[in-house]
Protein backbone atom coordinates (compact mmCIF):
# COMPACT_ATOMS: atom_id res chain seq x y z
CA UNK A 1 0.00 0.00 0.00
CA UNK A 2 1.24 3.46 -0.83
CA UNK A 3 0.14 6.38 1.43
CA UNK A 4 -2.02 8.87 -0.45
CA UNK A 5 -2.68 6.54 -3.37
CA UNK A 6 -6.18 5.61 -4.55
CA UNK A 7 -5.04 2.87 -6.94
CA UNK A 8 -4.05 0.14 -4.49
CA UNK A 9 -5.36 -3.29 -5.50
CA UNK A 10 -5.27 -6.84 -4.20
CA UNK A 11 -6.57 -9.95 -5.95
CA UNK A 12 -7.75 -12.99 -3.99
CA UNK A 13 -9.27 -16.38 -4.72
CA UNK A 14 -11.63 -18.43 -2.54
CA UNK A 15 -11.89 -22.11 -3.44
CA UNK A 16 -15.52 -23.22 -3.02
CA UNK A 17 -15.50 -26.37 -5.16
CA UNK A 18 -17.73 -28.12 -2.63
CA UNK A 19 -20.34 -25.34 -2.54
CA UNK A 20 -20.06 -24.70 1.21
CA UNK A 21 -20.30 -20.90 1.05
CA UNK A 22 -23.58 -18.99 0.87
CA UNK A 23 -24.54 -15.41 0.25
CA UNK A 24 -22.48 -12.45 -0.92
CA UNK A 25 -18.95 -11.72 0.21
CA UNK A 26 -18.52 -8.66 2.40
CA UNK A 27 -15.22 -6.77 2.05
CA UNK A 28 -14.37 -3.99 4.48
CA UNK A 29 -11.50 -2.30 6.25
CA UNK A 30 -11.01 -3.34 9.86
CA UNK A 31 -12.30 -0.87 12.45
CA UNK A 32 -8.68 -0.38 13.54
CA UNK A 33 -7.68 0.61 9.99
CA UNK A 34 -9.73 3.74 9.37
CA UNK A 35 -7.04 5.09 7.03
CA UNK A 36 -7.92 2.35 4.50
CA UNK A 37 -10.95 3.17 2.34
CA UNK A 38 -12.50 0.40 0.25
CA UNK A 39 -13.49 1.93 -3.09
CA UNK A 40 -14.57 -1.11 -5.06
CA UNK A 41 -14.77 -4.87 -4.47
CA UNK A 42 -15.63 -7.01 -7.48
CA UNK A 43 -16.40 -10.73 -7.14
CA UNK A 44 -16.50 -13.23 -9.98
CA UNK A 45 -18.65 -16.16 -8.90
CA UNK A 46 -17.92 -19.81 -9.59
CA UNK A 47 -16.31 -22.82 -7.93
CA UNK A 48 -13.35 -20.49 -7.31
CA UNK A 49 -14.50 -17.00 -6.43
CA UNK A 50 -12.12 -14.33 -7.68
CA UNK A 51 -12.08 -11.05 -5.76
CA UNK A 52 -10.41 -7.80 -6.73
CA UNK A 53 -10.36 -5.06 -4.12
CA UNK A 54 -9.43 -1.46 -4.93
CA UNK A 55 -8.75 0.80 -1.97
CA UNK A 56 -7.35 4.19 -1.06
CA UNK A 57 -4.81 4.84 1.67
CA UNK A 58 -5.03 8.05 3.68
CA UNK A 59 -2.34 9.98 5.52
CA UNK A 60 -0.35 7.33 7.37
CA UNK A 61 3.30 6.67 8.12
CA UNK A 62 5.10 4.02 6.01
CA UNK A 63 5.37 0.78 7.94
CA UNK A 64 1.88 1.04 9.46
CA UNK A 65 -0.10 -2.20 9.37
CA UNK A 66 -3.77 -2.23 8.39
CA UNK A 67 -6.28 -5.02 7.89
CA UNK A 68 -8.93 -5.83 5.29
CA UNK A 69 -11.68 -8.24 6.35
CA UNK A 70 -13.55 -10.63 4.04
CA UNK A 71 -16.68 -12.27 5.43
CA UNK A 72 -19.36 -14.64 4.15
CA UNK A 73 -21.47 -17.47 5.57
CA UNK A 74 -21.08 -21.21 5.17
CA UNK A 75 -23.93 -23.62 4.44
CA UNK A 76 -23.73 -24.83 8.04
CA UNK A 77 -24.53 -21.30 9.26
CA UNK A 78 -20.95 -20.68 10.38
CA UNK A 79 -19.65 -17.20 9.63
CA UNK A 80 -16.43 -17.32 7.62
CA UNK A 81 -13.98 -14.50 8.25
CA UNK A 82 -10.52 -13.80 6.84
CA UNK A 83 -8.34 -10.91 7.96
CA UNK A 84 -5.57 -9.87 5.57
CA UNK A 85 -2.73 -7.72 6.94
CA UNK A 86 -1.42 -4.96 4.65
CA UNK A 87 1.63 -2.78 5.23
CA UNK A 88 1.93 0.82 4.05
CA UNK A 89 5.14 1.38 2.08
CA UNK A 90 6.54 4.09 -0.17
CA UNK A 91 7.69 1.49 -2.67
CA UNK A 92 6.88 -2.19 -3.03
CA UNK A 93 9.36 -4.68 -4.45
CA UNK A 94 8.03 -6.53 -7.51
CA UNK A 95 8.32 -9.90 -5.73
CA UNK A 96 5.99 -8.64 -2.99
CA UNK A 97 3.19 -7.65 -5.36
CA UNK A 98 1.77 -11.16 -5.55
CA UNK A 99 1.26 -13.54 -2.65
CA UNK A 100 -0.82 -16.60 -1.84
CA UNK A 101 -3.02 -17.17 1.21
CA UNK A 102 -3.63 -20.68 2.51
CA UNK A 103 -6.88 -22.14 3.80
CA UNK A 104 -9.23 -19.80 5.54
CA UNK A 105 -9.46 -19.19 9.25
CA UNK A 106 -12.99 -19.02 10.63
CA UNK A 107 -14.22 -16.96 13.52
CA UNK A 108 -16.07 -18.21 16.58
CA UNK A 109 -19.65 -17.79 15.37
CA UNK A 110 -21.43 -21.13 15.30
CA UNK A 111 -18.69 -23.10 17.03
CA UNK A 112 -19.40 -25.15 20.12
CA UNK A 113 -18.77 -23.23 23.36
CA UNK A 114 -15.99 -24.39 25.66
CA UNK A 115 -14.59 -23.39 29.01
CA UNK A 116 -10.78 -23.23 28.94
CA UNK A 117 -9.41 -23.74 32.44
CA UNK A 118 -7.29 -20.61 32.81
CA UNK A 119 -7.78 -18.74 29.56
CA UNK A 120 -4.78 -20.63 28.19
CA UNK A 121 -4.40 -21.63 24.52
CA UNK A 122 -6.15 -24.88 23.71
CA UNK A 123 -6.24 -27.30 20.78
CA UNK A 124 -9.69 -28.90 20.59
CA UNK A 125 -8.75 -31.40 17.88
CA UNK A 126 -9.85 -31.92 14.30
CA UNK A 127 -13.12 -33.07 12.77
CA UNK A 128 -13.83 -35.28 10.95
CA UNK A 129 -11.20 -37.77 12.02
CA UNK A 130 -10.54 -40.09 10.16
CA UNK A 131 -10.15 -37.62 7.27
CA UNK A 132 -11.45 -38.40 3.79
CA UNK A 133 -11.09 -35.05 2.02
CA UNK A 134 -11.33 -31.99 4.29
CA UNK A 135 -10.89 -31.69 8.05
CA UNK A 136 -11.20 -28.71 10.40
CA UNK A 137 -8.78 -27.99 13.25
CA UNK A 138 -10.41 -26.05 16.10
CA UNK A 139 -8.28 -24.08 18.54
CA UNK A 140 -8.33 -21.18 20.98
CA UNK A 141 -5.28 -18.93 21.40
CA UNK A 142 -6.45 -17.53 24.73
CA UNK A 143 -7.42 -13.94 25.56
CA UNK A 144 -4.34 -12.43 23.89
CA UNK A 145 -4.92 -14.04 20.49
CA UNK A 146 -2.03 -13.92 18.03
CA UNK A 147 -0.80 -15.67 14.90
CA UNK A 148 -0.66 -19.46 14.75
CA UNK A 149 0.71 -22.16 12.48
CA UNK A 150 -0.53 -25.67 11.76
CA UNK A 151 2.11 -28.23 10.74
CA UNK A 152 1.38 -31.69 9.34
CA UNK A 153 4.01 -34.44 9.78
CA UNK A 154 4.25 -38.08 8.78
CA UNK A 155 5.01 -40.71 11.44
CA UNK A 156 8.74 -40.36 10.64
CA UNK A 157 8.69 -36.70 11.61
CA UNK A 158 8.95 -35.29 8.08
CA UNK A 159 7.18 -31.93 7.72
CA UNK A 160 4.62 -32.17 4.90
CA UNK A 161 2.51 -29.02 5.14
CA UNK A 162 2.52 -25.71 7.01
CA UNK A 163 -0.47 -23.37 7.17
CA UNK A 164 0.25 -19.97 8.72
CA UNK A 165 -2.53 -17.69 9.96
CA UNK A 166 -2.54 -13.90 10.21
CA UNK A 167 -2.95 -12.35 13.69
CA UNK A 168 -6.19 -13.72 15.19
CA UNK A 169 -8.45 -12.37 17.91
CA UNK A 170 -9.27 -14.20 21.12
CA UNK A 171 -11.87 -16.96 20.91
CA UNK A 172 -12.30 -20.08 18.84
CA UNK A 173 -10.90 -20.39 15.33
CA UNK A 174 -10.68 -23.07 12.67
CA UNK A 175 -8.15 -24.01 10.01
CA UNK A 176 -9.26 -26.25 7.15
CA UNK A 177 -6.84 -28.75 5.59
CA UNK A 178 -7.45 -30.58 2.30
CA UNK A 179 -5.22 -33.62 2.88
CA UNK A 180 -2.48 -32.34 0.57
CA UNK A 181 1.22 -31.63 1.05
CA UNK A 182 3.07 -28.39 0.35
CA UNK A 183 3.23 -29.17 -3.39
CA UNK A 184 -0.53 -29.76 -3.61
CA UNK A 185 -0.24 -33.56 -3.88
CA UNK A 186 -2.82 -35.79 -2.17
CA UNK A 187 -1.24 -37.61 0.75
CA UNK A 188 -1.79 -41.38 0.96
CA UNK A 189 -3.84 -43.16 3.61
CA UNK A 190 -2.13 -43.46 6.96
CA UNK A 191 -1.57 -41.92 10.37
CA UNK A 192 -0.20 -38.38 10.57
CA UNK A 193 0.77 -35.99 13.35
CA UNK A 194 -0.26 -32.35 13.48
CA UNK A 195 1.14 -29.58 15.65
CA UNK A 196 -0.45 -26.22 16.42
CA UNK A 197 1.97 -23.49 17.46
CA UNK A 198 1.56 -19.90 18.63
CA UNK A 199 4.32 -18.06 20.46
CA UNK A 200 5.66 -20.36 23.18
CA UNK A 201 2.57 -22.62 23.05
CA UNK A 202 2.51 -25.87 21.10
CA UNK A 203 0.19 -28.89 21.04
CA UNK A 204 0.43 -32.12 19.03
CA UNK A 205 -2.17 -34.77 18.14
CA UNK A 206 -2.74 -37.59 15.65
CA UNK A 207 -5.14 -37.96 12.75
CA UNK A 208 -5.91 -40.73 10.29
CA UNK A 209 -6.25 -40.11 6.56
CA UNK A 210 -8.38 -42.47 4.43
CA UNK A 211 -8.31 -42.51 0.64
C-alpha atoms as a PDB file:
ATOM      1  CA  UNK A   1       0.000   0.000   0.000  1.00  0.00           C
ATOM      2  CA  UNK A   2       1.238   3.460  -0.832  1.00  0.00           C
ATOM      3  CA  UNK A   3       0.142   6.375   1.433  1.00  0.00           C
ATOM      4  CA  UNK A   4      -2.019   8.872  -0.447  1.00  0.00           C
ATOM      5  CA  UNK A   5      -2.679   6.536  -3.365  1.00  0.00           C
ATOM      6  CA  UNK A   6      -6.176   5.609  -4.547  1.00  0.00           C
ATOM      7  CA  UNK A   7      -5.041   2.868  -6.936  1.00  0.00           C
ATOM      8  CA  UNK A   8      -4.048   0.137  -4.490  1.00  0.00           C
ATOM      9  CA  UNK A   9      -5.355  -3.287  -5.503  1.00  0.00           C
ATOM     10  CA  UNK A  10      -5.265  -6.838  -4.197  1.00  0.00           C
ATOM     11  CA  UNK A  11      -6.572  -9.947  -5.952  1.00  0.00           C
ATOM     12  CA  UNK A  12      -7.752 -12.986  -3.990  1.00  0.00           C
ATOM     13  CA  UNK A  13      -9.270 -16.382  -4.721  1.00  0.00           C
ATOM     14  CA  UNK A  14     -11.629 -18.426  -2.539  1.00  0.00           C
ATOM     15  CA  UNK A  15     -11.890 -22.105  -3.444  1.00  0.00           C
ATOM     16  CA  UNK A  16     -15.515 -23.218  -3.023  1.00  0.00           C
ATOM     17  CA  UNK A  17     -15.497 -26.368  -5.161  1.00  0.00           C
ATOM     18  CA  UNK A  18     -17.733 -28.122  -2.634  1.00  0.00           C
ATOM     19  CA  UNK A  19     -20.339 -25.339  -2.537  1.00  0.00           C
ATOM     20  CA  UNK A  20     -20.064 -24.703   1.209  1.00  0.00           C
ATOM     21  CA  UNK A  21     -20.303 -20.904   1.053  1.00  0.00           C
ATOM     22  CA  UNK A  22     -23.577 -18.988   0.873  1.00  0.00           C
ATOM     23  CA  UNK A  23     -24.544 -15.406   0.252  1.00  0.00           C
ATOM     24  CA  UNK A  24     -22.479 -12.453  -0.924  1.00  0.00           C
ATOM     25  CA  UNK A  25     -18.951 -11.718   0.207  1.00  0.00           C
ATOM     26  CA  UNK A  26     -18.516  -8.655   2.404  1.00  0.00           C
ATOM     27  CA  UNK A  27     -15.224  -6.775   2.055  1.00  0.00           C
ATOM     28  CA  UNK A  28     -14.374  -3.989   4.478  1.00  0.00           C
ATOM     29  CA  UNK A  29     -11.496  -2.302   6.250  1.00  0.00           C
ATOM     30  CA  UNK A  30     -11.014  -3.338   9.861  1.00  0.00           C
ATOM     31  CA  UNK A  31     -12.304  -0.870  12.453  1.00  0.00           C
ATOM     32  CA  UNK A  32      -8.680  -0.381  13.542  1.00  0.00           C
ATOM     33  CA  UNK A  33      -7.684   0.608   9.990  1.00  0.00           C
ATOM     34  CA  UNK A  34      -9.734   3.742   9.374  1.00  0.00           C
ATOM     35  CA  UNK A  35      -7.040   5.092   7.030  1.00  0.00           C
ATOM     36  CA  UNK A  36      -7.917   2.353   4.502  1.00  0.00           C
ATOM     37  CA  UNK A  37     -10.950   3.172   2.344  1.00  0.00           C
ATOM     38  CA  UNK A  38     -12.502   0.400   0.247  1.00  0.00           C
ATOM     39  CA  UNK A  39     -13.492   1.928  -3.094  1.00  0.00           C
ATOM     40  CA  UNK A  40     -14.575  -1.113  -5.055  1.00  0.00           C
ATOM     41  CA  UNK A  41     -14.772  -4.870  -4.475  1.00  0.00           C
ATOM     42  CA  UNK A  42     -15.634  -7.009  -7.484  1.00  0.00           C
ATOM     43  CA  UNK A  43     -16.401 -10.725  -7.136  1.00  0.00           C
ATOM     44  CA  UNK A  44     -16.501 -13.227  -9.984  1.00  0.00           C
ATOM     45  CA  UNK A  45     -18.648 -16.159  -8.904  1.00  0.00           C
ATOM     46  CA  UNK A  46     -17.923 -19.810  -9.587  1.00  0.00           C
ATOM     47  CA  UNK A  47     -16.314 -22.815  -7.930  1.00  0.00           C
ATOM     48  CA  UNK A  48     -13.352 -20.495  -7.314  1.00  0.00           C
ATOM     49  CA  UNK A  49     -14.502 -16.996  -6.432  1.00  0.00           C
ATOM     50  CA  UNK A  50     -12.122 -14.325  -7.683  1.00  0.00           C
ATOM     51  CA  UNK A  51     -12.083 -11.054  -5.759  1.00  0.00           C
ATOM     52  CA  UNK A  52     -10.409  -7.801  -6.726  1.00  0.00           C
ATOM     53  CA  UNK A  53     -10.362  -5.064  -4.117  1.00  0.00           C
ATOM     54  CA  UNK A  54      -9.431  -1.457  -4.934  1.00  0.00           C
ATOM     55  CA  UNK A  55      -8.748   0.798  -1.969  1.00  0.00           C
ATOM     56  CA  UNK A  56      -7.349   4.188  -1.057  1.00  0.00           C
ATOM     57  CA  UNK A  57      -4.809   4.838   1.670  1.00  0.00           C
ATOM     58  CA  UNK A  58      -5.030   8.051   3.684  1.00  0.00           C
ATOM     59  CA  UNK A  59      -2.342   9.980   5.520  1.00  0.00           C
ATOM     60  CA  UNK A  60      -0.355   7.329   7.371  1.00  0.00           C
ATOM     61  CA  UNK A  61       3.305   6.674   8.117  1.00  0.00           C
ATOM     62  CA  UNK A  62       5.097   4.018   6.014  1.00  0.00           C
ATOM     63  CA  UNK A  63       5.372   0.784   7.945  1.00  0.00           C
ATOM     64  CA  UNK A  64       1.877   1.045   9.465  1.00  0.00           C
ATOM     65  CA  UNK A  65      -0.104  -2.199   9.369  1.00  0.00           C
ATOM     66  CA  UNK A  66      -3.770  -2.230   8.386  1.00  0.00           C
ATOM     67  CA  UNK A  67      -6.281  -5.017   7.893  1.00  0.00           C
ATOM     68  CA  UNK A  68      -8.930  -5.826   5.294  1.00  0.00           C
ATOM     69  CA  UNK A  69     -11.678  -8.244   6.352  1.00  0.00           C
ATOM     70  CA  UNK A  70     -13.551 -10.627   4.038  1.00  0.00           C
ATOM     71  CA  UNK A  71     -16.685 -12.273   5.425  1.00  0.00           C
ATOM     72  CA  UNK A  72     -19.364 -14.636   4.154  1.00  0.00           C
ATOM     73  CA  UNK A  73     -21.467 -17.466   5.573  1.00  0.00           C
ATOM     74  CA  UNK A  74     -21.084 -21.214   5.173  1.00  0.00           C
ATOM     75  CA  UNK A  75     -23.935 -23.619   4.438  1.00  0.00           C
ATOM     76  CA  UNK A  76     -23.728 -24.832   8.044  1.00  0.00           C
ATOM     77  CA  UNK A  77     -24.528 -21.304   9.262  1.00  0.00           C
ATOM     78  CA  UNK A  78     -20.946 -20.675  10.381  1.00  0.00           C
ATOM     79  CA  UNK A  79     -19.652 -17.196   9.626  1.00  0.00           C
ATOM     80  CA  UNK A  80     -16.427 -17.324   7.619  1.00  0.00           C
ATOM     81  CA  UNK A  81     -13.982 -14.497   8.246  1.00  0.00           C
ATOM     82  CA  UNK A  82     -10.516 -13.803   6.835  1.00  0.00           C
ATOM     83  CA  UNK A  83      -8.336 -10.909   7.961  1.00  0.00           C
ATOM     84  CA  UNK A  84      -5.566  -9.872   5.569  1.00  0.00           C
ATOM     85  CA  UNK A  85      -2.731  -7.717   6.938  1.00  0.00           C
ATOM     86  CA  UNK A  86      -1.421  -4.965   4.649  1.00  0.00           C
ATOM     87  CA  UNK A  87       1.631  -2.784   5.227  1.00  0.00           C
ATOM     88  CA  UNK A  88       1.934   0.819   4.051  1.00  0.00           C
ATOM     89  CA  UNK A  89       5.142   1.382   2.079  1.00  0.00           C
ATOM     90  CA  UNK A  90       6.537   4.088  -0.174  1.00  0.00           C
ATOM     91  CA  UNK A  91       7.691   1.485  -2.668  1.00  0.00           C
ATOM     92  CA  UNK A  92       6.876  -2.187  -3.028  1.00  0.00           C
ATOM     93  CA  UNK A  93       9.355  -4.680  -4.448  1.00  0.00           C
ATOM     94  CA  UNK A  94       8.031  -6.532  -7.506  1.00  0.00           C
ATOM     95  CA  UNK A  95       8.317  -9.904  -5.725  1.00  0.00           C
ATOM     96  CA  UNK A  96       5.985  -8.642  -2.993  1.00  0.00           C
ATOM     97  CA  UNK A  97       3.194  -7.653  -5.358  1.00  0.00           C
ATOM     98  CA  UNK A  98       1.767 -11.163  -5.552  1.00  0.00           C
ATOM     99  CA  UNK A  99       1.264 -13.545  -2.649  1.00  0.00           C
ATOM    100  CA  UNK A 100      -0.817 -16.604  -1.836  1.00  0.00           C
ATOM    101  CA  UNK A 101      -3.016 -17.168   1.211  1.00  0.00           C
ATOM    102  CA  UNK A 102      -3.631 -20.683   2.511  1.00  0.00           C
ATOM    103  CA  UNK A 103      -6.878 -22.140   3.801  1.00  0.00           C
ATOM    104  CA  UNK A 104      -9.230 -19.805   5.541  1.00  0.00           C
ATOM    105  CA  UNK A 105      -9.460 -19.193   9.255  1.00  0.00           C
ATOM    106  CA  UNK A 106     -12.988 -19.023  10.628  1.00  0.00           C
ATOM    107  CA  UNK A 107     -14.224 -16.963  13.519  1.00  0.00           C
ATOM    108  CA  UNK A 108     -16.073 -18.211  16.584  1.00  0.00           C
ATOM    109  CA  UNK A 109     -19.654 -17.790  15.372  1.00  0.00           C
ATOM    110  CA  UNK A 110     -21.428 -21.133  15.298  1.00  0.00           C
ATOM    111  CA  UNK A 111     -18.685 -23.103  17.030  1.00  0.00           C
ATOM    112  CA  UNK A 112     -19.397 -25.155  20.123  1.00  0.00           C
ATOM    113  CA  UNK A 113     -18.767 -23.235  23.356  1.00  0.00           C
ATOM    114  CA  UNK A 114     -15.993 -24.392  25.662  1.00  0.00           C
ATOM    115  CA  UNK A 115     -14.587 -23.386  29.012  1.00  0.00           C
ATOM    116  CA  UNK A 116     -10.783 -23.235  28.941  1.00  0.00           C
ATOM    117  CA  UNK A 117      -9.409 -23.736  32.437  1.00  0.00           C
ATOM    118  CA  UNK A 118      -7.289 -20.609  32.812  1.00  0.00           C
ATOM    119  CA  UNK A 119      -7.784 -18.737  29.563  1.00  0.00           C
ATOM    120  CA  UNK A 120      -4.778 -20.631  28.192  1.00  0.00           C
ATOM    121  CA  UNK A 121      -4.402 -21.625  24.521  1.00  0.00           C
ATOM    122  CA  UNK A 122      -6.151 -24.883  23.711  1.00  0.00           C
ATOM    123  CA  UNK A 123      -6.243 -27.304  20.776  1.00  0.00           C
ATOM    124  CA  UNK A 124      -9.687 -28.895  20.586  1.00  0.00           C
ATOM    125  CA  UNK A 125      -8.746 -31.404  17.884  1.00  0.00           C
ATOM    126  CA  UNK A 126      -9.845 -31.923  14.305  1.00  0.00           C
ATOM    127  CA  UNK A 127     -13.116 -33.074  12.767  1.00  0.00           C
ATOM    128  CA  UNK A 128     -13.830 -35.285  10.949  1.00  0.00           C
ATOM    129  CA  UNK A 129     -11.195 -37.771  12.024  1.00  0.00           C
ATOM    130  CA  UNK A 130     -10.543 -40.085  10.158  1.00  0.00           C
ATOM    131  CA  UNK A 131     -10.149 -37.622   7.274  1.00  0.00           C
ATOM    132  CA  UNK A 132     -11.453 -38.401   3.786  1.00  0.00           C
ATOM    133  CA  UNK A 133     -11.091 -35.048   2.019  1.00  0.00           C
ATOM    134  CA  UNK A 134     -11.334 -31.991   4.287  1.00  0.00           C
ATOM    135  CA  UNK A 135     -10.886 -31.688   8.049  1.00  0.00           C
ATOM    136  CA  UNK A 136     -11.202 -28.713  10.402  1.00  0.00           C
ATOM    137  CA  UNK A 137      -8.783 -27.993  13.250  1.00  0.00           C
ATOM    138  CA  UNK A 138     -10.410 -26.048  16.103  1.00  0.00           C
ATOM    139  CA  UNK A 139      -8.277 -24.076  18.544  1.00  0.00           C
ATOM    140  CA  UNK A 140      -8.328 -21.175  20.980  1.00  0.00           C
ATOM    141  CA  UNK A 141      -5.285 -18.925  21.395  1.00  0.00           C
ATOM    142  CA  UNK A 142      -6.454 -17.531  24.734  1.00  0.00           C
ATOM    143  CA  UNK A 143      -7.421 -13.942  25.556  1.00  0.00           C
ATOM    144  CA  UNK A 144      -4.335 -12.435  23.888  1.00  0.00           C
ATOM    145  CA  UNK A 145      -4.921 -14.039  20.491  1.00  0.00           C
ATOM    146  CA  UNK A 146      -2.030 -13.922  18.031  1.00  0.00           C
ATOM    147  CA  UNK A 147      -0.799 -15.673  14.899  1.00  0.00           C
ATOM    148  CA  UNK A 148      -0.659 -19.460  14.746  1.00  0.00           C
ATOM    149  CA  UNK A 149       0.711 -22.163  12.483  1.00  0.00           C
ATOM    150  CA  UNK A 150      -0.533 -25.675  11.760  1.00  0.00           C
ATOM    151  CA  UNK A 151       2.107 -28.230  10.738  1.00  0.00           C
ATOM    152  CA  UNK A 152       1.378 -31.688   9.344  1.00  0.00           C
ATOM    153  CA  UNK A 153       4.014 -34.442   9.779  1.00  0.00           C
ATOM    154  CA  UNK A 154       4.248 -38.080   8.776  1.00  0.00           C
ATOM    155  CA  UNK A 155       5.010 -40.708  11.444  1.00  0.00           C
ATOM    156  CA  UNK A 156       8.735 -40.365  10.644  1.00  0.00           C
ATOM    157  CA  UNK A 157       8.688 -36.696  11.612  1.00  0.00           C
ATOM    158  CA  UNK A 158       8.946 -35.289   8.080  1.00  0.00           C
ATOM    159  CA  UNK A 159       7.185 -31.933   7.719  1.00  0.00           C
ATOM    160  CA  UNK A 160       4.621 -32.173   4.898  1.00  0.00           C
ATOM    161  CA  UNK A 161       2.511 -29.024   5.144  1.00  0.00           C
ATOM    162  CA  UNK A 162       2.520 -25.709   7.009  1.00  0.00           C
ATOM    163  CA  UNK A 163      -0.474 -23.365   7.169  1.00  0.00           C
ATOM    164  CA  UNK A 164       0.254 -19.967   8.724  1.00  0.00           C
ATOM    165  CA  UNK A 165      -2.528 -17.691   9.964  1.00  0.00           C
ATOM    166  CA  UNK A 166      -2.542 -13.901  10.215  1.00  0.00           C
ATOM    167  CA  UNK A 167      -2.947 -12.355  13.691  1.00  0.00           C
ATOM    168  CA  UNK A 168      -6.186 -13.716  15.187  1.00  0.00           C
ATOM    169  CA  UNK A 169      -8.454 -12.375  17.913  1.00  0.00           C
ATOM    170  CA  UNK A 170      -9.272 -14.204  21.122  1.00  0.00           C
ATOM    171  CA  UNK A 171     -11.874 -16.957  20.910  1.00  0.00           C
ATOM    172  CA  UNK A 172     -12.297 -20.080  18.839  1.00  0.00           C
ATOM    173  CA  UNK A 173     -10.899 -20.394  15.330  1.00  0.00           C
ATOM    174  CA  UNK A 174     -10.679 -23.069  12.671  1.00  0.00           C
ATOM    175  CA  UNK A 175      -8.151 -24.011  10.014  1.00  0.00           C
ATOM    176  CA  UNK A 176      -9.256 -26.254   7.154  1.00  0.00           C
ATOM    177  CA  UNK A 177      -6.839 -28.746   5.586  1.00  0.00           C
ATOM    178  CA  UNK A 178      -7.453 -30.580   2.303  1.00  0.00           C
ATOM    179  CA  UNK A 179      -5.216 -33.618   2.885  1.00  0.00           C
ATOM    180  CA  UNK A 180      -2.478 -32.336   0.573  1.00  0.00           C
ATOM    181  CA  UNK A 181       1.217 -31.633   1.045  1.00  0.00           C
ATOM    182  CA  UNK A 182       3.074 -28.386   0.352  1.00  0.00           C
ATOM    183  CA  UNK A 183       3.227 -29.169  -3.386  1.00  0.00           C
ATOM    184  CA  UNK A 184      -0.528 -29.761  -3.614  1.00  0.00           C
ATOM    185  CA  UNK A 185      -0.241 -33.557  -3.876  1.00  0.00           C
ATOM    186  CA  UNK A 186      -2.816 -35.786  -2.173  1.00  0.00           C
ATOM    187  CA  UNK A 187      -1.243 -37.606   0.754  1.00  0.00           C
ATOM    188  CA  UNK A 188      -1.793 -41.384   0.965  1.00  0.00           C
ATOM    189  CA  UNK A 189      -3.841 -43.164   3.611  1.00  0.00           C
ATOM    190  CA  UNK A 190      -2.131 -43.460   6.955  1.00  0.00           C
ATOM    191  CA  UNK A 191      -1.567 -41.918  10.369  1.00  0.00           C
ATOM    192  CA  UNK A 192      -0.202 -38.376  10.568  1.00  0.00           C
ATOM    193  CA  UNK A 193       0.773 -35.986  13.348  1.00  0.00           C
ATOM    194  CA  UNK A 194      -0.258 -32.354  13.476  1.00  0.00           C
ATOM    195  CA  UNK A 195       1.138 -29.577  15.647  1.00  0.00           C
ATOM    196  CA  UNK A 196      -0.452 -26.221  16.416  1.00  0.00           C
ATOM    197  CA  UNK A 197       1.971 -23.487  17.464  1.00  0.00           C
ATOM    198  CA  UNK A 198       1.559 -19.905  18.633  1.00  0.00           C
ATOM    199  CA  UNK A 199       4.322 -18.063  20.464  1.00  0.00           C
ATOM    200  CA  UNK A 200       5.655 -20.364  23.180  1.00  0.00           C
ATOM    201  CA  UNK A 201       2.572 -22.618  23.055  1.00  0.00           C
ATOM    202  CA  UNK A 202       2.507 -25.866  21.102  1.00  0.00           C
ATOM    203  CA  UNK A 203       0.186 -28.885  21.044  1.00  0.00           C
ATOM    204  CA  UNK A 204       0.433 -32.122  19.030  1.00  0.00           C
ATOM    205  CA  UNK A 205      -2.168 -34.769  18.141  1.00  0.00           C
ATOM    206  CA  UNK A 206      -2.736 -37.588  15.647  1.00  0.00           C
ATOM    207  CA  UNK A 207      -5.135 -37.962  12.753  1.00  0.00           C
ATOM    208  CA  UNK A 208      -5.908 -40.735  10.289  1.00  0.00           C
ATOM    209  CA  UNK A 209      -6.249 -40.109   6.562  1.00  0.00           C
ATOM    210  CA  UNK A 210      -8.385 -42.471   4.433  1.00  0.00           C
ATOM    211  CA  UNK A 211      -8.310 -42.506   0.639  1.00  0.00           C
END
